[in-house]
Amino acid sequence: MTGFTPILSVVTIVYNNVKDIERTMLSVLGQTYPHIEYIIIDGLSTDGTLDVIEKYRPRITKLISEKDEGIYDAMNKGIAAATGDYIIFMNSGDEFYDNDTVAQVFSSEPGADIYYGETEMIGSKGESLGRRRHKAPKTFTWKGFRYGMSISHQAIYVKRSLAEPYDRQYHLSADIDWIIRAAKKAKKIVNVNRYVAKYLVGGMSKKKHRQSLKERFDIMKRHYGLLPTLFNHGVITFNLSWYYLRHRRTND
């Protein structure tokens, strides 16, 4: 490892997810990188989640357990509580890819504003579902999301000085807006060229797909303009249709 050893604030948001919280916590607590501030924001769980968290309480830097007004309110509490040089959200059910992931990220190149990598999807039983449909781009700028969210939220390390609060007018897609805003201010963005996260599929944006799409369109329109967004959504629709058609042929 290089001499670059920043403090990483890892924030986990959880509410009534006793099934997955321990797996996520062990992924964070098992990192070989020593300079981690671990923050858990719990929405006042009642299903035994807090009992699991309490088992590891001495190794958690900050625990906030109280009612919130949704996931992005909880995430904003995480940003407010963080004191590290960088911040990443590893929410309940998600994991770092390996025990040495954080060490590998920071040894890739010192001093970036944003680091990012590839994501593996996992199912409800922890089984691998392969890489996300969107492959992480070789290079990334704030314009990189115009054809879809090519980097997952769990796979992006943002310098805390660039991390503004999430825009709570969005209930499902504020993470896209958050990453774009951070990337607009970033001078140096580094692709670590490796898998860095495991993402548990089936979140709220999947369950409320129509609302998620409306929010995404509004976010794209704000950042990229109306006409480019209309064109880009046409490209997204074509690519999505071609992806599913190709994979259906493969599976037939």
Foldseek 3Di string as FASTA:
>chain_A
DDPFQWAEEEEAEDAQCLPFQLVAVCQVVLAPRDRYAYEYEYQQHDNCNVVSCVVCVVVHNYYHYHHADADLRSVLVSLVPDDIQKYAYQYGNKHWPDNHLVVLQCVLDHDFQKEFEWEWEAEPVRHTPGTDPQDADQDDALCRCLLHDNTDRRGMIGGSVLQDRFDVVQRAPSSNLRVSSSRNPTPGYYYSYDYTMYHYDDDPCVVVVVSVVVVVLVSSCVVPNNVSSVVSVVVNVVVVVVVVVVVVVVVD
